[in-house]
Amino acid sequence: MLGEASTTEITRNNDAKDFDENKIAAKRGGKIAGDARVALEKETGKKIVSKENYLQITVKQKRKLN
């Protein structure tokens, strides 16, 4: 969610119009979210994404994606 919110704000602030501009905004937003995850993991000493909290995609959900 942080990545999406960051990307949206960057896109609006830069008034991105075409694919390349939006791609750059998406990369910057993703980096912000990734950096925040790493900082949180470092601060807490715990992994944010783990086998215990990973949700498997069901076969039915996979079919919807295709």
PDB file of N, CA and C in Angstrom:
ATOM      1  N   MET A   1       0.809  -1.188   0.000  1.00  0.00           N
ATOM      2  CA  MET A   1       0.000   0.000   0.000  1.00  0.00           C
ATOM      3  C   MET A   1       0.860   1.263   0.000  1.00  0.00           C
ATOM      4  N   LEU A   2       1.970   1.227   0.684  1.00  0.00           N
ATOM      5  CA  LEU A   2       2.853   2.396   0.698  1.00  0.00           C
ATOM      6  C   LEU A   2       3.420   2.663  -0.692  1.00  0.00           C
ATOM      7  N   GLY A   3       3.753   1.598  -1.403  1.00  0.00           N
ATOM      8  CA  GLY A   3       4.273   1.754  -2.759  1.00  0.00           C
ATOM      9  C   GLY A   3       3.270   2.399  -3.691  1.00  0.00           C
ATOM     10  N   GLU A   4       2.021   1.971  -3.592  1.00  0.00           N
ATOM     11  CA  GLU A   4       0.979   2.530  -4.444  1.00  0.00           C
ATOM     12  C   GLU A   4       0.720   3.988  -4.110  1.00  0.00           C
ATOM     13  N   ALA A   5       0.650   4.290  -2.805  1.00  0.00           N
ATOM     14  CA  ALA A   5       0.400   5.672  -2.389  1.00  0.00           C
ATOM     15  C   ALA A   5       1.559   6.574  -2.800  1.00  0.00           C
ATOM     16  N   SER A   6       2.775   6.091  -2.623  1.00  0.00           N
ATOM     17  CA  SER A   6       3.951   6.873  -3.010  1.00  0.00           C
ATOM     18  C   SER A   6       3.960   7.132  -4.512  1.00  0.00           C
ATOM     19  N   THR A   7       3.685   6.093  -5.280  1.00  0.00           N
ATOM     20  CA  THR A   7       3.671   6.223  -6.735  1.00  0.00           C
ATOM     21  C   THR A   7       2.602   7.206  -7.188  1.00  0.00           C
ATOM     22  N   THR A   8       1.433   7.136  -6.576  1.00  0.00           N
ATOM     23  CA  THR A   8       0.349   8.053  -6.935  1.00  0.00           C
ATOM     24  C   THR A   8       0.748   9.498  -6.677  1.00  0.00           C
ATOM     25  N   GLU A   9       1.337   9.757  -5.521  1.00  0.00           N
ATOM     26  CA  GLU A   9       1.749  11.123  -5.190  1.00  0.00           C
ATOM     27  C   GLU A   9       2.852  11.623  -6.115  1.00  0.00           C
ATOM     28  N   ILE A  10       3.822  10.776  -6.407  1.00  0.00           N
ATOM     29  CA  ILE A  10       4.916  11.154  -7.312  1.00  0.00           C
ATOM     30  C   ILE A  10       4.364  11.453  -8.696  1.00  0.00           C
ATOM     31  N   THR A  11       3.449  10.617  -9.153  1.00  0.00           N
ATOM     32  CA  THR A  11       2.838  10.805 -10.477  1.00  0.00           C
ATOM     33  C   THR A  11       2.080  12.127 -10.544  1.00  0.00           C
ATOM     34  N   ARG A  12       1.322  12.417  -9.509  1.00  0.00           N
ATOM     35  CA  ARG A  12       0.552  13.670  -9.491  1.00  0.00           C
ATOM     36  C   ARG A  12       1.471  14.881  -9.412  1.00  0.00           C
ATOM     37  N   ASN A  13       2.490  14.808  -8.550  1.00  0.00           N
ATOM     38  CA  ASN A  13       3.392  15.949  -8.385  1.00  0.00           C
ATOM     39  C   ASN A  13       4.205  16.240  -9.646  1.00  0.00           C
ATOM     40  N   ASN A  14       4.581  15.196 -10.370  1.00  0.00           N
ATOM     41  CA  ASN A  14       5.378  15.363 -11.585  1.00  0.00           C
ATOM     42  C   ASN A  14       4.512  15.506 -12.829  1.00  0.00           C
ATOM     43  N   ASP A  15       3.195  15.389 -12.660  1.00  0.00           N
ATOM     44  CA  ASP A  15       2.252  15.482 -13.769  1.00  0.00           C
ATOM     45  C   ASP A  15       2.643  14.532 -14.898  1.00  0.00           C
ATOM     46  N   ALA A  16       2.892  13.267 -14.524  1.00  0.00           N
ATOM     47  CA  ALA A  16       3.302  12.246 -15.501  1.00  0.00           C
ATOM     48  C   ALA A  16       2.189  12.016 -16.515  1.00  0.00           C
ATOM     49  N   LYS A  17       2.562  12.009 -17.778  1.00  0.00           N
ATOM     50  CA  LYS A  17       1.576  11.872 -18.849  1.00  0.00           C
ATOM     51  C   LYS A  17       1.698  10.559 -19.617  1.00  0.00           C
ATOM     52  N   ASP A  18       2.916  10.175 -19.961  1.00  0.00           N
ATOM     53  CA  ASP A  18       3.071   9.000 -20.818  1.00  0.00           C
ATOM     54  C   ASP A  18       3.628   7.806 -20.026  1.00  0.00           C
ATOM     55  N   PHE A  19       3.769   6.705 -20.716  1.00  0.00           N
ATOM     56  CA  PHE A  19       4.192   5.452 -20.104  1.00  0.00           C
ATOM     57  C   PHE A  19       5.543   5.589 -19.414  1.00  0.00           C
ATOM     58  N   ASP A  20       6.510   6.186 -20.080  1.00  0.00           N
ATOM     59  CA  ASP A  20       7.852   6.288 -19.515  1.00  0.00           C
ATOM     60  C   ASP A  20       7.872   7.118 -18.226  1.00  0.00           C
ATOM     61  N   GLU A  21       7.129   8.203 -18.208  1.00  0.00           N
ATOM     62  CA  GLU A  21       7.063   9.025 -17.001  1.00  0.00           C
ATOM     63  C   GLU A  21       6.404   8.271 -15.855  1.00  0.00           C
ATOM     64  N   ASN A  22       5.356   7.518 -16.161  1.00  0.00           N
ATOM     65  CA  ASN A  22       4.683   6.717 -15.139  1.00  0.00           C
ATOM     66  C   ASN A  22       5.557   5.566 -14.665  1.00  0.00           C
ATOM     67  N   LYS A  23       6.352   5.006 -15.567  1.00  0.00           N
ATOM     68  CA  LYS A  23       7.265   3.922 -15.201  1.00  0.00           C
ATOM     69  C   LYS A  23       8.312   4.419 -14.208  1.00  0.00           C
ATOM     70  N   ILE A  24       8.833   5.605 -14.442  1.00  0.00           N
ATOM     71  CA  ILE A  24       9.819   6.198 -13.535  1.00  0.00           C
ATOM     72  C   ILE A  24       9.181   6.451 -12.169  1.00  0.00           C
ATOM     73  N   ALA A  25       7.960   6.975 -12.163  1.00  0.00           N
ATOM     74  CA  ALA A  25       7.252   7.224 -10.899  1.00  0.00           C
ATOM     75  C   ALA A  25       7.012   5.925 -10.145  1.00  0.00           C
ATOM     76  N   ALA A  26       6.662   4.866 -10.874  1.00  0.00           N
ATOM     77  CA  ALA A  26       6.419   3.569 -10.240  1.00  0.00           C
ATOM     78  C   ALA A  26       7.691   3.011  -9.619  1.00  0.00           C
ATOM     79  N   LYS A  27       8.797   3.151 -10.293  1.00  0.00           N
ATOM     80  CA  LYS A  27      10.068   2.673  -9.742  1.00  0.00           C
ATOM     81  C   LYS A  27      10.440   3.451  -8.488  1.00  0.00           C
ATOM     82  N   ARG A  28      10.243   4.763  -8.519  1.00  0.00           N
ATOM     83  CA  ARG A  28      10.554   5.584  -7.346  1.00  0.00           C
ATOM     84  C   ARG A  28       9.635   5.235  -6.177  1.00  0.00           C
ATOM     85  N   GLY A  29       8.348   5.043  -6.451  1.00  0.00           N
ATOM     86  CA  GLY A  29       7.396   4.662  -5.400  1.00  0.00           C
ATOM     87  C   GLY A  29       7.721   3.303  -4.810  1.00  0.00           C
ATOM     88  N   GLY A  30       8.106   2.358  -5.676  1.00  0.00           N
ATOM     89  CA  GLY A  30       8.495   1.032  -5.204  1.00  0.00           C
ATOM     90  C   GLY A  30       9.750   1.070  -4.352  1.00  0.00           C
ATOM     91  N   LYS A  31      10.675   1.929  -4.716  1.00  0.00           N
ATOM     92  CA  LYS A  31      11.910   2.062  -3.940  1.00  0.00           C
ATOM     93  C   LYS A  31      11.616   2.625  -2.555  1.00  0.00           C
ATOM     94  N   ILE A  32      10.721   3.590  -2.487  1.00  0.00           N
ATOM     95  CA  ILE A  32      10.335   4.159  -1.195  1.00  0.00           C
ATOM     96  C   ILE A  32       9.749   3.069  -0.301  1.00  0.00           C
ATOM     97  N   ALA A  33       8.845   2.266  -0.845  1.00  0.00           N
ATOM     98  CA  ALA A  33       8.230   1.190  -0.067  1.00  0.00           C
ATOM     99  C   ALA A  33       9.261   0.140   0.336  1.00  0.00           C
ATOM    100  N   GLY A  34      10.145  -0.209  -0.585  1.00  0.00           N
ATOM    101  CA  GLY A  34      11.185  -1.194  -0.287  1.00  0.00           C
ATOM    102  C   GLY A  34      12.135  -0.714   0.791  1.00  0.00           C
ATOM    103  N   ASP A  35      12.531   0.556   0.712  1.00  0.00           N
ATOM    104  CA  ASP A  35      13.415   1.127   1.721  1.00  0.00           C
ATOM    105  C   ASP A  35      12.739   1.151   3.092  1.00  0.00           C
ATOM    106  N   ALA A  36      11.442   1.461   3.104  1.00  0.00           N
ATOM    107  CA  ALA A  36      10.692   1.479   4.367  1.00  0.00           C
ATOM    108  C   ALA A  36      10.614   0.083   4.975  1.00  0.00           C
ATOM    109  N   ARG A  37      10.411  -0.933   4.134  1.00  0.00           N
ATOM    110  CA  ARG A  37      10.363  -2.314   4.627  1.00  0.00           C
ATOM    111  C   ARG A  37      11.692  -2.716   5.240  1.00  0.00           C
ATOM    112  N   VAL A  38      12.777  -2.401   4.553  1.00  0.00           N
ATOM    113  CA  VAL A  38      14.113  -2.749   5.050  1.00  0.00           C
ATOM    114  C   VAL A  38      14.389  -2.036   6.373  1.00  0.00           C
ATOM    115  N   ALA A  39      14.016  -0.762   6.460  1.00  0.00           N
ATOM    116  CA  ALA A  39      14.234   0.001   7.693  1.00  0.00           C
ATOM    117  C   ALA A  39      13.430  -0.581   8.852  1.00  0.00           C
ATOM    118  N   LEU A  40      12.199  -0.984   8.584  1.00  0.00           N
ATOM    119  CA  LEU A  40      11.361  -1.582   9.622  1.00  0.00           C
ATOM    120  C   LEU A  40      11.928  -2.920  10.080  1.00  0.00           C
ATOM    121  N   GLU A  41      12.376  -3.725   9.129  1.00  0.00           N
ATOM    122  CA  GLU A  41      12.985  -5.012   9.490  1.00  0.00           C
ATOM    123  C   GLU A  41      14.241  -4.805  10.332  1.00  0.00           C
ATOM    124  N   LYS A  42      15.012  -3.811   9.993  1.00  0.00           N
ATOM    125  CA  LYS A  42      16.234  -3.523  10.750  1.00  0.00           C
ATOM    126  C   LYS A  42      15.890  -3.054  12.165  1.00  0.00           C
ATOM    127  N   GLU A  43      14.896  -2.200  12.274  1.00  0.00           N
ATOM    128  CA  GLU A  43      14.492  -1.649  13.564  1.00  0.00           C
ATOM    129  C   GLU A  43      13.902  -2.718  14.482  1.00  0.00           C
ATOM    130  N   THR A  44      13.057  -3.599  13.927  1.00  0.00           N
ATOM    131  CA  THR A  44      12.370  -4.597  14.748  1.00  0.00           C
ATOM    132  C   THR A  44      13.148  -5.899  14.879  1.00  0.00           C
ATOM    133  N   GLY A  45      14.058  -6.140  13.952  1.00  0.00           N
ATOM    134  CA  GLY A  45      14.791  -7.406  13.961  1.00  0.00           C
ATOM    135  C   GLY A  45      13.971  -8.576  13.455  1.00  0.00           C
ATOM    136  N   LYS A  46      12.823  -8.289  12.842  1.00  0.00           N
ATOM    137  CA  LYS A  46      11.937  -9.329  12.324  1.00  0.00           C
ATOM    138  C   LYS A  46      11.705  -9.108  10.838  1.00  0.00           C
ATOM    139  N   LYS A  47      11.502 -10.198  10.113  1.00  0.00           N
ATOM    140  CA  LYS A  47      11.160 -10.122   8.698  1.00  0.00           C
ATOM    141  C   LYS A  47       9.690  -9.729   8.563  1.00  0.00           C
ATOM    142  N   ILE A  48       9.408  -8.864   7.620  1.00  0.00           N
ATOM    143  CA  ILE A  48       8.035  -8.439   7.363  1.00  0.00           C
ATOM    144  C   ILE A  48       7.306  -9.506   6.545  1.00  0.00           C
ATOM    145  N   VAL A  49       7.976 -10.035   5.545  1.00  0.00           N
ATOM    146  CA  VAL A  49       7.411 -11.100   4.718  1.00  0.00           C
ATOM    147  C   VAL A  49       8.104 -12.398   5.111  1.00  0.00           C
ATOM    148  N   SER A  50       7.294 -13.376   5.504  1.00  0.00           N
ATOM    149  CA  SER A  50       7.853 -14.660   5.930  1.00  0.00           C
ATOM    150  C   SER A  50       6.959 -15.795   5.467  1.00  0.00           C
ATOM    151  N   LYS A  51       7.414 -17.009   5.679  1.00  0.00           N
ATOM    152  CA  LYS A  51       6.608 -18.177   5.310  1.00  0.00           C
ATOM    153  C   LYS A  51       5.318 -18.228   6.124  1.00  0.00           C
ATOM    154  N   GLU A  52       5.362 -17.703   7.344  1.00  0.00           N
ATOM    155  CA  GLU A  52       4.189 -17.754   8.215  1.00  0.00           C
ATOM    156  C   GLU A  52       3.077 -16.804   7.758  1.00  0.00           C
ATOM    157  N   ASN A  53       3.431 -15.657   7.172  1.00  0.00           N
ATOM    158  CA  ASN A  53       2.388 -14.706   6.781  1.00  0.00           C
ATOM    159  C   ASN A  53       2.188 -14.615   5.266  1.00  0.00           C
ATOM    160  N   TYR A  54       2.849 -15.472   4.519  1.00  0.00           N
ATOM    161  CA  TYR A  54       2.711 -15.491   3.063  1.00  0.00           C
ATOM    162  C   TYR A  54       1.412 -16.197   2.692  1.00  0.00           C
ATOM    163  N   LEU A  55       0.611 -15.573   1.852  1.00  0.00           N
ATOM    164  CA  LEU A  55      -0.644 -16.167   1.416  1.00  0.00           C
ATOM    165  C   LEU A  55      -0.476 -16.808   0.054  1.00  0.00           C
ATOM    166  N   GLN A  56      -0.821 -18.075  -0.052  1.00  0.00           N
ATOM    167  CA  GLN A  56      -0.747 -18.783  -1.317  1.00  0.00           C
ATOM    168  C   GLN A  56      -1.912 -18.369  -2.209  1.00  0.00           C
ATOM    169  N   ILE A  57      -1.671 -18.265  -3.482  1.00  0.00           N
ATOM    170  CA  ILE A  57      -2.730 -17.985  -4.447  1.00  0.00           C
ATOM    171  C   ILE A  57      -3.349 -19.324  -4.835  1.00  0.00           C
ATOM    172  N   THR A  58      -4.668 -19.403  -4.744  1.00  0.00           N
ATOM    173  CA  THR A  58      -5.354 -20.640  -5.091  1.00  0.00           C
ATOM    174  C   THR A  58      -5.404 -20.813  -6.603  1.00  0.00           C
ATOM    175  N   VAL A  59      -5.688 -22.004  -7.037  1.00  0.00           N
ATOM    176  CA  VAL A  59      -5.795 -22.305  -8.466  1.00  0.00           C
ATOM    177  C   VAL A  59      -6.890 -21.446  -9.084  1.00  0.00           C
ATOM    178  N   LYS A  60      -7.990 -21.271  -8.372  1.00  0.00           N
ATOM    179  CA  LYS A  60      -9.096 -20.466  -8.878  1.00  0.00           C
ATOM    180  C   LYS A  60      -8.662 -19.021  -9.080  1.00  0.00           C
ATOM    181  N   GLN A  61      -7.882 -18.464  -8.140  1.00  0.00           N
ATOM    182  CA  GLN A  61      -7.401 -17.102  -8.277  1.00  0.00           C
ATOM    183  C   GLN A  61      -6.409 -16.969  -9.428  1.00  0.00           C
ATOM    184  N   LYS A  62      -5.580 -17.987  -9.634  1.00  0.00           N
ATOM    185  CA  LYS A  62      -4.624 -17.972 -10.745  1.00  0.00           C
ATOM    186  C   LYS A  62      -5.343 -17.932 -12.072  1.00  0.00           C
ATOM    187  N   ARG A  63      -6.440 -18.677 -12.180  1.00  0.00           N
ATOM    188  CA  ARG A  63      -7.209 -18.691 -13.428  1.00  0.00           C
ATOM    189  C   ARG A  63      -7.791 -17.318 -13.735  1.00  0.00           C
ATOM    190  N   LYS A  64      -8.225 -16.605 -12.689  1.00  0.00           N
ATOM    191  CA  LYS A  64      -8.765 -15.261 -12.884  1.00  0.00           C
ATOM    192  C   LYS A  64      -7.700 -14.299 -13.389  1.00  0.00           C
ATOM    193  N   LEU A  65      -6.453 -14.499 -12.963  1.00  0.00           N
ATOM    194  CA  LEU A  65      -5.367 -13.632 -13.383  1.00  0.00           C
ATOM    195  C   LEU A  65      -5.007 -13.826 -14.842  1.00  0.00           C
ATOM    196  N   ASN A  66      -5.220 -15.010 -15.357  1.00  0.00           N
ATOM    197  CA  ASN A  66      -4.874 -15.297 -16.758  1.00  0.00           C
ATOM    198  C   ASN A  66      -6.035 -14.946 -17.606  1.00  0.00           C
TER     199      ASN A  66
END
